[in-house]
Amino acid sequence: MGLANTILKEDHKASIANTPCAWLMYLQGKVKLSRKLLIELCTWWIERRGGFLIRSNMILFAPLDVCVILGLRIGGICG
């Protein structure tokens, strides 16, 4: 993630800043997602709403959000 942050364009940073994962832009090193965290996130995912239900707050994710967060090119279903 740290490497991806160094090559992001300003418009990409602006897009990420409007997502629930804006904090990812501040990471400097490699990101390792633990299995326990991934399992926990899966239990909070509400597929029909397209987001995570955390403490009675729905955090919605569009396909474009996921592409930007993962650093994928925008195309296909994402763009």
PDB file of N, CA and C in Angstrom:
ATOM      1  N   MET A   1       0.820  -1.187   0.000  1.00  0.00           N
ATOM      2  CA  MET A   1       0.000   0.000   0.000  1.00  0.00           C
ATOM      3  C   MET A   1       0.861   1.246   0.000  1.00  0.00           C
ATOM      4  N   GLY A   2       1.961   1.210   0.732  1.00  0.00           N
ATOM      5  CA  GLY A   2       2.837   2.366   0.786  1.00  0.00           C
ATOM      6  C   GLY A   2       3.339   2.764  -0.587  1.00  0.00           C
ATOM      7  N   LEU A   3       3.719   1.768  -1.412  1.00  0.00           N
ATOM      8  CA  LEU A   3       4.184   2.047  -2.768  1.00  0.00           C
ATOM      9  C   LEU A   3       3.059   2.634  -3.612  1.00  0.00           C
ATOM     10  N   ALA A   4       1.859   2.092  -3.491  1.00  0.00           N
ATOM     11  CA  ALA A   4       0.718   2.602  -4.252  1.00  0.00           C
ATOM     12  C   ALA A   4       0.460   4.067  -3.906  1.00  0.00           C
ATOM     13  N   ASN A   5       0.629   4.424  -2.655  1.00  0.00           N
ATOM     14  CA  ASN A   5       0.392   5.806  -2.237  1.00  0.00           C
ATOM     15  C   ASN A   5       1.368   6.778  -2.887  1.00  0.00           C
ATOM     16  N   THR A   6       2.565   6.327  -3.214  1.00  0.00           N
ATOM     17  CA  THR A   6       3.551   7.231  -3.817  1.00  0.00           C
ATOM     18  C   THR A   6       3.262   7.513  -5.281  1.00  0.00           C
ATOM     19  N   ILE A   7       2.477   6.666  -5.942  1.00  0.00           N
ATOM     20  CA  ILE A   7       2.204   6.869  -7.365  1.00  0.00           C
ATOM     21  C   ILE A   7       0.784   7.352  -7.652  1.00  0.00           C
ATOM     22  N   LEU A   8      -0.014   7.573  -6.605  1.00  0.00           N
ATOM     23  CA  LEU A   8      -1.377   8.058  -6.809  1.00  0.00           C
ATOM     24  C   LEU A   8      -1.375   9.490  -7.322  1.00  0.00           C
ATOM     25  N   LYS A   9      -2.224   9.751  -8.285  1.00  0.00           N
ATOM     26  CA  LYS A   9      -2.415  11.114  -8.784  1.00  0.00           C
ATOM     27  C   LYS A   9      -3.342  11.846  -7.827  1.00  0.00           C
ATOM     28  N   GLU A  10      -3.328  13.156  -7.908  1.00  0.00           N
ATOM     29  CA  GLU A  10      -4.147  13.965  -6.997  1.00  0.00           C
ATOM     30  C   GLU A  10      -5.636  13.667  -7.131  1.00  0.00           C
ATOM     31  N   ASP A  11      -6.112  13.429  -8.353  1.00  0.00           N
ATOM     32  CA  ASP A  11      -7.541  13.118  -8.510  1.00  0.00           C
ATOM     33  C   ASP A  11      -7.889  11.766  -7.903  1.00  0.00           C
ATOM     34  N   HIS A  12      -6.924  10.820  -7.935  1.00  0.00           N
ATOM     35  CA  HIS A  12      -7.144   9.534  -7.272  1.00  0.00           C
ATOM     36  C   HIS A  12      -7.214   9.726  -5.758  1.00  0.00           C
ATOM     37  N   LYS A  13      -6.301  10.531  -5.229  1.00  0.00           N
ATOM     38  CA  LYS A  13      -6.311  10.791  -3.786  1.00  0.00           C
ATOM     39  C   LYS A  13      -7.616  11.450  -3.363  1.00  0.00           C
ATOM     40  N   ALA A  14      -8.125  12.349  -4.194  1.00  0.00           N
ATOM     41  CA  ALA A  14      -9.391  13.017  -3.883  1.00  0.00           C
ATOM     42  C   ALA A  14     -10.540  12.014  -3.867  1.00  0.00           C
ATOM     43  N   SER A  15     -10.517  11.048  -4.802  1.00  0.00           N
ATOM     44  CA  SER A  15     -11.564  10.019  -4.834  1.00  0.00           C
ATOM     45  C   SER A  15     -11.497   9.145  -3.596  1.00  0.00           C
ATOM     46  N   ILE A  16     -10.295   8.737  -3.219  1.00  0.00           N
ATOM     47  CA  ILE A  16     -10.120   7.882  -2.044  1.00  0.00           C
ATOM     48  C   ILE A  16     -10.524   8.627  -0.775  1.00  0.00           C
ATOM     49  N   ALA A  17     -10.248   9.918  -0.723  1.00  0.00           N
ATOM     50  CA  ALA A  17     -10.579  10.722   0.460  1.00  0.00           C
ATOM     51  C   ALA A  17     -12.074  10.726   0.747  1.00  0.00           C
ATOM     52  N   ASN A  18     -12.894  10.426  -0.258  1.00  0.00           N
ATOM     53  CA  ASN A  18     -14.344  10.406  -0.085  1.00  0.00           C
ATOM     54  C   ASN A  18     -14.898   9.030   0.228  1.00  0.00           C
ATOM     55  N   THR A  19     -14.013   8.083   0.531  1.00  0.00           N
ATOM     56  CA  THR A  19     -14.448   6.727   0.860  1.00  0.00           C
ATOM     57  C   THR A  19     -14.181   6.440   2.337  1.00  0.00           C
ATOM     58  N   PRO A  20     -14.787   5.381   2.863  1.00  0.00           N
ATOM     59  CA  PRO A  20     -14.518   5.016   4.261  1.00  0.00           C
ATOM     60  C   PRO A  20     -13.072   4.565   4.500  1.00  0.00           C
ATOM     61  N   CYS A  21     -12.323   4.337   3.446  1.00  0.00           N
ATOM     62  CA  CYS A  21     -10.937   3.868   3.591  1.00  0.00           C
ATOM     63  C   CYS A  21      -9.920   4.961   3.307  1.00  0.00           C
ATOM     64  N   ALA A  22     -10.276   6.203   3.517  1.00  0.00           N
ATOM     65  CA  ALA A  22      -9.361   7.321   3.262  1.00  0.00           C
ATOM     66  C   ALA A  22      -8.068   7.187   4.057  1.00  0.00           C
ATOM     67  N   TRP A  23      -8.123   6.567   5.212  1.00  0.00           N
ATOM     68  CA  TRP A  23      -6.938   6.405   6.059  1.00  0.00           C
ATOM     69  C   TRP A  23      -5.843   5.586   5.395  1.00  0.00           C
ATOM     70  N   LEU A  24      -6.193   4.777   4.366  1.00  0.00           N
ATOM     71  CA  LEU A  24      -5.196   3.964   3.683  1.00  0.00           C
ATOM     72  C   LEU A  24      -4.118   4.811   3.006  1.00  0.00           C
ATOM     73  N   MET A  25      -4.462   6.050   2.654  1.00  0.00           N
ATOM     74  CA  MET A  25      -3.489   6.914   1.991  1.00  0.00           C
ATOM     75  C   MET A  25      -2.337   7.312   2.910  1.00  0.00           C
ATOM     76  N   TYR A  26      -2.516   7.158   4.192  1.00  0.00           N
ATOM     77  CA  TYR A  26      -1.486   7.563   5.139  1.00  0.00           C
ATOM     78  C   TYR A  26      -0.534   6.429   5.510  1.00  0.00           C
ATOM     79  N   LEU A  27      -0.782   5.231   4.994  1.00  0.00           N
ATOM     80  CA  LEU A  27       0.082   4.097   5.295  1.00  0.00           C
ATOM     81  C   LEU A  27       1.375   4.200   4.499  1.00  0.00           C
ATOM     82  N   GLN A  28       2.478   3.915   5.145  1.00  0.00           N
ATOM     83  CA  GLN A  28       3.784   4.021   4.497  1.00  0.00           C
ATOM     84  C   GLN A  28       4.342   2.676   4.068  1.00  0.00           C
ATOM     85  N   GLY A  29       4.092   1.635   4.827  1.00  0.00           N
ATOM     86  CA  GLY A  29       4.684   0.332   4.544  1.00  0.00           C
ATOM     87  C   GLY A  29       3.685  -0.632   3.943  1.00  0.00           C
ATOM     88  N   LYS A  30       4.038  -1.903   3.951  1.00  0.00           N
ATOM     89  CA  LYS A  30       3.160  -2.944   3.440  1.00  0.00           C
ATOM     90  C   LYS A  30       1.991  -3.150   4.394  1.00  0.00           C
ATOM     91  N   VAL A  31       0.855  -3.512   3.830  1.00  0.00           N
ATOM     92  CA  VAL A  31      -0.342  -3.771   4.619  1.00  0.00           C
ATOM     93  C   VAL A  31      -0.588  -5.271   4.638  1.00  0.00           C
ATOM     94  N   LYS A  32      -0.772  -5.799   5.806  1.00  0.00           N
ATOM     95  CA  LYS A  32      -1.084  -7.220   5.937  1.00  0.00           C
ATOM     96  C   LYS A  32      -2.443  -7.326   6.619  1.00  0.00           C
ATOM     97  N   LEU A  33      -3.403  -7.906   5.937  1.00  0.00           N
ATOM     98  CA  LEU A  33      -4.743  -8.065   6.468  1.00  0.00           C
ATOM     99  C   LEU A  33      -4.818  -9.415   7.159  1.00  0.00           C
ATOM    100  N   SER A  34      -5.136  -9.396   8.420  1.00  0.00           N
ATOM    101  CA  SER A  34      -5.185 -10.646   9.165  1.00  0.00           C
ATOM    102  C   SER A  34      -6.430 -11.451   8.800  1.00  0.00           C
ATOM    103  N   ARG A  35      -6.309 -12.739   8.930  1.00  0.00           N
ATOM    104  CA  ARG A  35      -7.439 -13.623   8.648  1.00  0.00           C
ATOM    105  C   ARG A  35      -8.608 -13.313   9.575  1.00  0.00           C
ATOM    106  N   LYS A  36      -8.318 -13.042  10.846  1.00  0.00           N
ATOM    107  CA  LYS A  36      -9.395 -12.755  11.794  1.00  0.00           C
ATOM    108  C   LYS A  36     -10.148 -11.483  11.415  1.00  0.00           C
ATOM    109  N   LEU A  37      -9.407 -10.456  10.981  1.00  0.00           N
ATOM    110  CA  LEU A  37     -10.059  -9.216  10.569  1.00  0.00           C
ATOM    111  C   LEU A  37     -10.913  -9.455   9.336  1.00  0.00           C
ATOM    112  N   LEU A  38     -10.401 -10.201   8.370  1.00  0.00           N
ATOM    113  CA  LEU A  38     -11.159 -10.496   7.162  1.00  0.00           C
ATOM    114  C   LEU A  38     -12.436 -11.263   7.485  1.00  0.00           C
ATOM    115  N   ILE A  39     -12.344 -12.247   8.371  1.00  0.00           N
ATOM    116  CA  ILE A  39     -13.528 -13.006   8.792  1.00  0.00           C
ATOM    117  C   ILE A  39     -14.531 -12.080   9.474  1.00  0.00           C
ATOM    118  N   GLU A  40     -14.050 -11.203  10.326  1.00  0.00           N
ATOM    119  CA  GLU A  40     -14.927 -10.260  11.025  1.00  0.00           C
ATOM    120  C   GLU A  40     -15.627  -9.334  10.033  1.00  0.00           C
ATOM    121  N   LEU A  41     -14.883  -8.811   9.066  1.00  0.00           N
ATOM    122  CA  LEU A  41     -15.496  -7.948   8.054  1.00  0.00           C
ATOM    123  C   LEU A  41     -16.567  -8.695   7.269  1.00  0.00           C
ATOM    124  N   CYS A  42     -16.309  -9.954   6.962  1.00  0.00           N
ATOM    125  CA  CYS A  42     -17.300 -10.748   6.228  1.00  0.00           C
ATOM    126  C   CYS A  42     -18.589 -10.917   7.023  1.00  0.00           C
ATOM    127  N   THR A  43     -18.499 -10.985   8.340  1.00  0.00           N
ATOM    128  CA  THR A  43     -19.711 -11.131   9.151  1.00  0.00           C
ATOM    129  C   THR A  43     -20.516  -9.835   9.184  1.00  0.00           C
ATOM    130  N   TRP A  44     -19.874  -8.700   8.928  1.00  0.00           N
ATOM    131  CA  TRP A  44     -20.575  -7.405   8.937  1.00  0.00           C
ATOM    132  C   TRP A  44     -21.112  -7.006   7.569  1.00  0.00           C
ATOM    133  N   TRP A  45     -20.735  -7.762   6.515  1.00  0.00           N
ATOM    134  CA  TRP A  45     -21.145  -7.423   5.156  1.00  0.00           C
ATOM    135  C   TRP A  45     -22.621  -7.747   4.950  1.00  0.00           C
ATOM    136  N   ILE A  46     -23.386  -6.781   4.453  1.00  0.00           N
ATOM    137  CA  ILE A  46     -24.804  -6.960   4.125  1.00  0.00           C
ATOM    138  C   ILE A  46     -24.915  -6.857   2.606  1.00  0.00           C
ATOM    139  N   GLU A  47     -24.968  -8.004   1.947  1.00  0.00           N
ATOM    140  CA  GLU A  47     -24.885  -8.039   0.486  1.00  0.00           C
ATOM    141  C   GLU A  47     -25.996  -7.242  -0.189  1.00  0.00           C
ATOM    142  N   ARG A  48     -27.235  -7.394   0.279  1.00  0.00           N
ATOM    143  CA  ARG A  48     -28.342  -6.717  -0.396  1.00  0.00           C
ATOM    144  C   ARG A  48     -28.249  -5.199  -0.302  1.00  0.00           C
ATOM    145  N   ARG A  49     -27.508  -4.692   0.689  1.00  0.00           N
ATOM    146  CA  ARG A  49     -27.326  -3.238   0.834  1.00  0.00           C
ATOM    147  C   ARG A  49     -25.998  -2.768   0.241  1.00  0.00           C
ATOM    148  N   GLY A  50     -25.090  -3.702  -0.007  1.00  0.00           N
ATOM    149  CA  GLY A  50     -23.805  -3.341  -0.612  1.00  0.00           C
ATOM    150  C   GLY A  50     -22.879  -2.607   0.337  1.00  0.00           C
ATOM    151  N   GLY A  51     -22.839  -3.052   1.594  1.00  0.00           N
ATOM    152  CA  GLY A  51     -21.970  -2.381   2.552  1.00  0.00           C
ATOM    153  C   GLY A  51     -21.816  -3.146   3.850  1.00  0.00           C
ATOM    154  N   PHE A  52     -21.093  -2.537   4.770  1.00  0.00           N
ATOM    155  CA  PHE A  52     -20.845  -3.118   6.088  1.00  0.00           C
ATOM    156  C   PHE A  52     -21.752  -2.456   7.112  1.00  0.00           C
ATOM    157  N   LEU A  53     -22.350  -3.251   7.987  1.00  0.00           N
ATOM    158  CA  LEU A  53     -23.145  -2.726   9.092  1.00  0.00           C
ATOM    159  C   LEU A  53     -22.272  -2.778  10.340  1.00  0.00           C
ATOM    160  N   ILE A  54     -21.809  -1.615  10.781  1.00  0.00           N
ATOM    161  CA  ILE A  54     -20.915  -1.521  11.925  1.00  0.00           C
ATOM    162  C   ILE A  54     -21.523  -0.551  12.933  1.00  0.00           C
ATOM    163  N   ARG A  55     -21.820  -1.079  14.126  1.00  0.00           N
ATOM    164  CA  ARG A  55     -22.422  -0.274  15.199  1.00  0.00           C
ATOM    165  C   ARG A  55     -23.642   0.510  14.711  1.00  0.00           C
ATOM    166  N   SER A  56     -24.546  -0.164  14.066  1.00  0.00           N
ATOM    167  CA  SER A  56     -25.798   0.385  13.526  1.00  0.00           C
ATOM    168  C   SER A  56     -25.580   1.443  12.448  1.00  0.00           C
ATOM    169  N   ASN A  57     -24.378   1.553  11.903  1.00  0.00           N
ATOM    170  CA  ASN A  57     -24.100   2.453  10.779  1.00  0.00           C
ATOM    171  C   ASN A  57     -23.818   1.615   9.540  1.00  0.00           C
ATOM    172  N   MET A  58     -24.473   1.953   8.439  1.00  0.00           N
ATOM    173  CA  MET A  58     -24.231   1.260   7.190  1.00  0.00           C
ATOM    174  C   MET A  58     -23.158   2.017   6.416  1.00  0.00           C
ATOM    175  N   ILE A  59     -22.057   1.336   6.125  1.00  0.00           N
ATOM    176  CA  ILE A  59     -20.966   1.916   5.340  1.00  0.00           C
ATOM    177  C   ILE A  59     -21.040   1.267   3.970  1.00  0.00           C
ATOM    178  N   LEU A  60     -21.553   2.030   2.987  1.00  0.00           N
ATOM    179  CA  LEU A  60     -21.805   1.509   1.658  1.00  0.00           C
ATOM    180  C   LEU A  60     -20.533   1.497   0.825  1.00  0.00           C
ATOM    181  N   PHE A  61     -20.399   0.500  -0.051  1.00  0.00           N
ATOM    182  CA  PHE A  61     -19.284   0.388  -0.970  1.00  0.00           C
ATOM    183  C   PHE A  61     -19.827   0.139  -2.366  1.00  0.00           C
ATOM    184  N   ALA A  62     -19.481   0.995  -3.289  1.00  0.00           N
ATOM    185  CA  ALA A  62     -19.806   0.779  -4.700  1.00  0.00           C
ATOM    186  C   ALA A  62     -18.634   0.044  -5.345  1.00  0.00           C
ATOM    187  N   PRO A  63     -18.848  -0.605  -6.468  1.00  0.00           N
ATOM    188  CA  PRO A  63     -17.722  -1.247  -7.155  1.00  0.00           C
ATOM    189  C   PRO A  63     -16.562  -0.277  -7.414  1.00  0.00           C
ATOM    190  N   LEU A  64     -16.877   0.976  -7.722  1.00  0.00           N
ATOM    191  CA  LEU A  64     -15.827   1.967  -7.946  1.00  0.00           C
ATOM    192  C   LEU A  64     -14.994   2.181  -6.679  1.00  0.00           C
ATOM    193  N   ASP A  65     -15.636   2.218  -5.514  1.00  0.00           N
ATOM    194  CA  ASP A  65     -14.910   2.368  -4.249  1.00  0.00           C
ATOM    195  C   ASP A  65     -13.912   1.234  -4.062  1.00  0.00           C
ATOM    196  N   VAL A  66     -14.349   0.024  -4.334  1.00  0.00           N
ATOM    197  CA  VAL A  66     -13.475  -1.144  -4.159  1.00  0.00           C
ATOM    198  C   VAL A  66     -12.294  -1.061  -5.121  1.00  0.00           C
ATOM    199  N   CYS A  67     -12.531  -0.679  -6.372  1.00  0.00           N
ATOM    200  CA  CYS A  67     -11.440  -0.542  -7.342  1.00  0.00           C
ATOM    201  C   CYS A  67     -10.422   0.490  -6.879  1.00  0.00           C
ATOM    202  N   VAL A  68     -10.894   1.635  -6.426  1.00  0.00           N
ATOM    203  CA  VAL A  68      -9.989   2.695  -5.972  1.00  0.00           C
ATOM    204  C   VAL A  68      -9.210   2.249  -4.743  1.00  0.00           C
ATOM    205  N   ILE A  69      -9.882   1.634  -3.798  1.00  0.00           N
ATOM    206  CA  ILE A  69      -9.224   1.178  -2.561  1.00  0.00           C
ATOM    207  C   ILE A  69      -8.147   0.150  -2.865  1.00  0.00           C
ATOM    208  N   LEU A  70      -8.401  -0.737  -3.800  1.00  0.00           N
ATOM    209  CA  LEU A  70      -7.435  -1.792  -4.137  1.00  0.00           C
ATOM    210  C   LEU A  70      -6.395  -1.339  -5.148  1.00  0.00           C
ATOM    211  N   GLY A  71      -6.563  -0.128  -5.680  1.00  0.00           N
ATOM    212  CA  GLY A  71      -5.613   0.370  -6.659  1.00  0.00           C
ATOM    213  C   GLY A  71      -5.777  -0.252  -8.031  1.00  0.00           C
ATOM    214  N   LEU A  72      -6.982  -0.710  -8.334  1.00  0.00           N
ATOM    215  CA  LEU A  72      -7.237  -1.328  -9.633  1.00  0.00           C
ATOM    216  C   LEU A  72      -7.555  -0.268 -10.664  1.00  0.00           C
ATOM    217  N   ARG A  73      -7.290  -0.593 -11.926  1.00  0.00           N
ATOM    218  CA  ARG A  73      -7.645   0.323 -13.004  1.00  0.00           C
ATOM    219  C   ARG A  73      -9.162   0.463 -13.066  1.00  0.00           C
ATOM    220  N   ILE A  74      -9.608   1.624 -13.444  1.00  0.00           N
ATOM    221  CA  ILE A  74     -11.042   1.869 -13.542  1.00  0.00           C
ATOM    222  C   ILE A  74     -11.498   1.429 -14.935  1.00  0.00           C
ATOM    223  N   GLY A  75     -12.376   0.442 -14.965  1.00  0.00           N
ATOM    224  CA  GLY A  75     -12.874  -0.083 -16.240  1.00  0.00           C
ATOM    225  C   GLY A  75     -13.827  -1.212 -15.954  1.00  0.00           C
ATOM    226  N   GLY A  76     -14.496  -1.695 -16.968  1.00  0.00           N
ATOM    227  CA  GLY A  76     -15.448  -2.783 -16.773  1.00  0.00           C
ATOM    228  C   GLY A  76     -16.570  -2.354 -15.856  1.00  0.00           C
ATOM    229  N   ILE A  77     -16.905  -3.195 -14.882  1.00  0.00           N
ATOM    230  CA  ILE A  77     -18.023  -2.882 -13.989  1.00  0.00           C
ATOM    231  C   ILE A  77     -17.716  -1.705 -13.076  1.00  0.00           C
ATOM    232  N   CYS A  78     -16.435  -1.350 -12.928  1.00  0.00           N
ATOM    233  CA  CYS A  78     -16.072  -0.249 -12.033  1.00  0.00           C
ATOM    234  C   CYS A  78     -16.140   1.096 -12.727  1.00  0.00           C
ATOM    235  N   GLY A  79     -16.197   1.171 -13.977  1.00  0.00           N
ATOM    236  CA  GLY A  79     -16.163   2.477 -14.606  1.00  0.00           C
ATOM    237  C   GLY A  79     -16.815   2.470 -15.908  1.00  0.00           C
TER     238      GLY A  79
END
